[in-house]
Amino acid sequence: MELADNKIKILIIGSDPLWRIGIKSILSNLGDVSVTEASSTETNDSIIDNDIWDLLILVISTPRKDDVEILEKIKKDFPGSPIMIFDAYNQWNEIGAVISGAKAYLNKKATHIEILDSAKTLLSGRMYMTEDTAEQIAVALSARNISPDRNKFGGIEFQILRSMAVGNSNKQIAEQLDTSIQYVSYLKSKLRKKIGMRTNEEVLMYAFRTGLVS
């Protein structure tokens, strides 16, 4: 997409208006752009749903348990629009965001230049990610035919593994399973040992590589 030829339509979705306004101000430096804001509860608005967006930005600024659901909705409603996750709450990570379908992930430490560069990259039809994440994704794709032994996981372990893979926090998983955060932390530690992974990022790559998430 040529940034100078057409008016670019960008939708920013998030619960905190201050973050939306701040990102909107930065994006004005792209030139001829039209930026619309919507709260996380307005994603069913007909004006939003009936429009075509060149870029969607999901701003995560509070520990909402429905962030994954919102991401899934906008992926379904706007399948041709690239999605950027701006994580002001440091609740996700880049690998989890990419696996979940985002084309870019930034956190609150991102500079104005990084926000603009990521937007330009997505508008040009490419993904925006760090070299380290790109390498890990490439390795995972090259080993995509590995199948997980689902019998090695208990029912609750399998649920936690999938929840980790889509970026759910300990609090969100605990709410989904109706248990305590401490018990979720214990099960995640046990799960990492079972599959021989030391970090949550390695668990995410395992889930992606074995087809537990697509």
Protein backbone atom coordinates (compact mmCIF):
# COMPACT_ATOMS: atom_id res chain seq x y z
CA MET A 1 0.00 0.00 0.00
CA GLU A 2 1.34 3.40 -0.93
CA LEU A 3 0.97 5.62 2.11
CA ALA A 4 0.79 8.85 0.13
CA ASP A 5 -1.81 7.77 -2.47
CA ASN A 6 -4.93 7.07 -0.43
CA LYS A 7 -6.40 8.15 2.87
CA ILE A 8 -5.42 5.50 5.39
CA LYS A 9 -8.16 4.33 7.75
CA ILE A 10 -6.99 3.18 11.17
CA LEU A 11 -9.12 1.92 14.06
CA ILE A 12 -7.78 2.04 17.62
CA ILE A 13 -9.64 -0.17 20.11
CA GLY A 14 -8.96 0.09 23.84
CA SER A 15 -10.55 0.79 27.20
CA ASP A 16 -8.30 3.72 28.19
CA PRO A 17 -9.01 6.92 26.20
CA LEU A 18 -5.66 8.47 27.18
CA TRP A 19 -3.70 5.70 25.49
CA ARG A 20 -5.98 5.88 22.43
CA ILE A 21 -5.53 9.64 22.15
CA GLY A 22 -1.76 9.37 22.58
CA ILE A 23 -1.39 6.74 19.86
CA LYS A 24 -3.74 8.67 17.58
CA SER A 25 -1.57 11.77 17.97
CA ILE A 26 1.54 9.80 17.02
CA LEU A 27 -0.14 8.25 13.99
CA SER A 28 -1.05 11.71 12.68
CA ASN A 29 2.60 11.92 11.60
CA LEU A 30 1.85 9.32 8.91
CA GLY A 31 0.24 12.08 6.85
CA ASP A 32 -3.13 11.65 5.20
CA VAL A 33 -4.74 9.32 7.74
CA SER A 34 -8.16 8.96 9.29
CA VAL A 35 -7.98 7.52 12.81
CA THR A 36 -11.09 6.33 14.64
CA GLU A 37 -11.20 5.44 18.32
CA ALA A 38 -13.45 2.86 19.96
CA SER A 39 -13.65 1.53 23.48
CA SER A 40 -13.35 -2.21 23.97
CA THR A 41 -17.11 -2.37 24.55
CA GLU A 42 -17.91 -0.66 21.25
CA THR A 43 -16.62 -3.37 18.94
CA ASN A 44 -20.21 -4.29 18.01
CA ASP A 45 -20.98 -0.77 16.80
CA SER A 46 -22.45 -0.90 13.28
CA ILE A 47 -20.35 2.09 12.18
CA ILE A 48 -17.22 0.17 13.09
CA ASP A 49 -18.36 -3.20 11.75
CA ASN A 50 -19.54 -1.79 8.41
CA ASP A 51 -16.29 -0.06 7.60
CA ILE A 52 -13.04 -1.24 6.04
CA TRP A 53 -9.85 -0.62 7.99
CA ASP A 54 -6.28 -0.53 6.73
CA LEU A 55 -4.92 -1.10 10.23
CA LEU A 56 -6.40 -2.20 13.56
CA ILE A 57 -4.67 -1.42 16.83
CA LEU A 58 -5.75 -3.22 20.01
CA VAL A 59 -4.59 -1.30 23.09
CA ILE A 60 -4.31 -3.40 26.25
CA SER A 61 -4.10 -1.05 29.23
CA THR A 62 -5.85 -3.00 31.99
CA PRO A 63 -5.89 -6.67 33.03
CA ARG A 64 -9.14 -7.39 31.18
CA LYS A 65 -10.01 -11.07 30.93
CA ASP A 66 -11.70 -10.59 27.55
CA ASP A 67 -8.72 -9.25 25.58
CA VAL A 68 -8.33 -12.58 23.80
CA GLU A 69 -12.04 -12.60 22.93
CA ILE A 70 -11.78 -9.06 21.54
CA LEU A 71 -8.77 -10.06 19.45
CA GLU A 72 -10.62 -13.09 18.11
CA LYS A 73 -13.64 -10.93 17.25
CA ILE A 74 -11.70 -8.35 15.27
CA LYS A 75 -9.78 -11.11 13.48
CA LYS A 76 -13.10 -12.64 12.46
CA ASP A 77 -14.82 -9.35 11.58
CA PHE A 78 -11.88 -7.87 9.66
CA PRO A 79 -9.93 -10.82 8.21
CA GLY A 80 -8.06 -8.67 5.71
CA SER A 81 -6.90 -6.01 8.17
CA PRO A 82 -3.51 -6.30 9.91
CA ILE A 83 -3.65 -6.10 13.70
CA MET A 84 -1.15 -4.43 16.00
CA ILE A 85 -1.23 -5.14 19.73
CA PHE A 86 -0.07 -2.24 21.89
CA ASP A 87 0.41 -3.66 25.36
CA ALA A 88 0.46 -0.82 27.86
CA TYR A 89 -0.02 -3.28 30.72
CA ASN A 90 2.81 -5.68 29.80
CA GLN A 91 0.32 -8.54 29.90
CA TRP A 92 1.33 -10.25 26.65
CA ASN A 93 4.64 -10.91 24.93
CA GLU A 94 5.66 -10.71 21.31
CA ILE A 95 5.65 -14.44 20.61
CA GLY A 96 2.22 -14.90 22.14
CA ALA A 97 0.85 -11.93 20.19
CA VAL A 98 2.21 -13.21 16.87
CA ILE A 99 0.94 -16.74 17.50
CA SER A 100 -2.48 -15.27 18.35
CA GLY A 101 -2.66 -13.57 14.97
CA ALA A 102 -1.25 -10.08 15.49
CA LYS A 103 1.12 -8.72 12.84
CA ALA A 104 2.96 -6.52 15.34
CA TYR A 105 3.44 -6.25 19.08
CA LEU A 106 4.62 -3.21 21.02
CA ASN A 107 4.65 -2.48 24.73
CA LYS A 108 4.60 0.81 26.63
CA LYS A 109 8.36 1.20 26.26
CA ALA A 110 7.97 1.65 22.48
CA THR A 111 9.17 5.00 21.15
CA HIS A 112 7.22 7.26 18.79
CA ILE A 113 9.52 6.13 15.99
CA GLU A 114 8.89 2.44 16.73
CA ILE A 115 5.12 2.98 16.72
CA LEU A 116 5.31 4.78 13.37
CA ASP A 117 7.71 2.20 11.89
CA SER A 118 5.48 -0.69 12.95
CA ALA A 119 2.39 1.03 11.49
CA LYS A 120 4.18 1.69 8.19
CA THR A 121 5.41 -1.91 8.08
CA LEU A 122 1.92 -3.34 8.58
CA LEU A 123 0.40 -0.93 6.06
CA SER A 124 2.93 -2.14 3.51
CA GLY A 125 1.67 -5.69 3.98
CA ARG A 126 4.52 -7.03 6.11
CA MET A 127 4.85 -8.19 9.72
CA TYR A 128 6.75 -6.20 12.31
CA MET A 129 8.71 -8.24 14.85
CA THR A 130 12.10 -8.39 16.51
CA GLU A 131 14.84 -10.52 14.96
CA ASP A 132 14.79 -12.89 17.95
CA THR A 133 11.07 -13.59 17.60
CA ALA A 134 11.36 -13.97 13.83
CA GLU A 135 14.09 -16.58 14.31
CA GLN A 136 12.07 -18.52 16.89
CA ILE A 137 8.98 -18.51 14.67
CA ALA A 138 11.05 -19.72 11.71
CA VAL A 139 12.49 -22.57 13.76
CA ALA A 140 9.00 -23.53 14.94
CA LEU A 141 7.63 -23.52 11.39
CA SER A 142 10.47 -25.71 10.16
CA ALA A 143 9.50 -28.32 12.77
CA ARG A 144 5.75 -27.91 12.34
CA ASN A 145 5.15 -31.62 11.67
CA ILE A 146 5.93 -32.59 15.26
CA SER A 147 2.80 -33.90 16.98
CA PRO A 148 2.21 -33.51 20.70
CA ASP A 149 1.44 -36.53 22.85
CA ARG A 150 -1.88 -35.27 24.21
CA ASN A 151 -2.09 -38.29 26.49
CA LYS A 152 0.78 -36.89 28.54
CA PHE A 153 -1.36 -33.94 29.62
CA GLY A 154 -4.15 -33.98 32.16
CA GLY A 155 -7.29 -32.13 31.19
CA ILE A 156 -6.48 -29.05 33.24
CA GLU A 157 -2.86 -29.06 32.03
CA PHE A 158 -4.00 -29.07 28.41
CA GLN A 159 -6.34 -26.15 29.08
CA ILE A 160 -3.54 -24.19 30.74
CA LEU A 161 -1.16 -24.94 27.88
CA ARG A 162 -3.61 -23.60 25.32
CA SER A 163 -4.43 -20.60 27.50
CA MET A 164 -0.74 -19.75 27.84
CA ALA A 165 -0.35 -20.06 24.09
CA VAL A 166 -2.97 -17.39 23.40
CA GLY A 167 -1.52 -15.00 25.95
CA ASN A 168 -3.80 -15.41 28.96
CA SER A 169 -2.36 -14.24 32.27
CA ASN A 170 -2.36 -16.32 35.47
CA LYS A 171 -5.32 -14.28 36.72
CA GLN A 172 -7.29 -14.87 33.52
CA ILE A 173 -6.56 -18.61 33.58
CA ALA A 174 -7.55 -18.81 37.25
CA GLU A 175 -10.88 -17.11 36.47
CA GLN A 176 -11.52 -19.45 33.54
CA LEU A 177 -10.79 -22.54 35.64
CA ASP A 178 -12.42 -21.17 38.80
CA THR A 179 -9.29 -21.73 40.86
CA SER A 180 -6.59 -19.67 42.58
CA ILE A 181 -3.74 -17.80 40.90
CA GLN A 182 -1.28 -19.64 43.14
CA TYR A 183 -2.57 -23.02 41.92
CA VAL A 184 -2.28 -21.89 38.30
CA SER A 185 1.34 -20.82 38.94
CA TYR A 186 2.06 -24.24 40.45
CA LEU A 187 0.49 -26.07 37.50
CA LYS A 188 2.38 -23.94 34.97
CA SER A 189 5.67 -24.73 36.71
CA LYS A 190 4.78 -28.43 36.70
CA LEU A 191 3.79 -28.22 33.02
CA ARG A 192 7.08 -26.56 32.02
CA LYS A 193 9.02 -29.36 33.68
CA LYS A 194 6.88 -32.03 32.01
CA ILE A 195 7.60 -30.77 28.50
CA GLY A 196 11.17 -29.73 29.29
CA MET A 197 10.67 -25.99 28.88
CA ARG A 198 12.09 -23.36 31.21
CA THR A 199 10.19 -20.23 30.22
CA ASN A 200 6.68 -19.27 29.15
CA GLU A 201 8.07 -18.22 25.76
CA GLU A 202 9.43 -21.73 25.19
CA VAL A 203 6.01 -23.15 26.11
CA LEU A 204 4.42 -20.87 23.51
CA MET A 205 6.80 -22.08 20.83
CA TYR A 206 6.15 -25.70 21.82
CA ALA A 207 2.39 -25.13 21.47
CA PHE A 208 2.88 -23.49 18.07
CA ARG A 209 5.35 -26.10 16.81
CA THR A 210 3.16 -29.04 17.79
CA GLY A 211 -0.06 -27.59 16.41
CA LEU A 212 -1.78 -26.99 19.73
CA VAL A 213 -2.37 -23.46 18.42
CA SER A 214 -2.40 -22.32 14.80
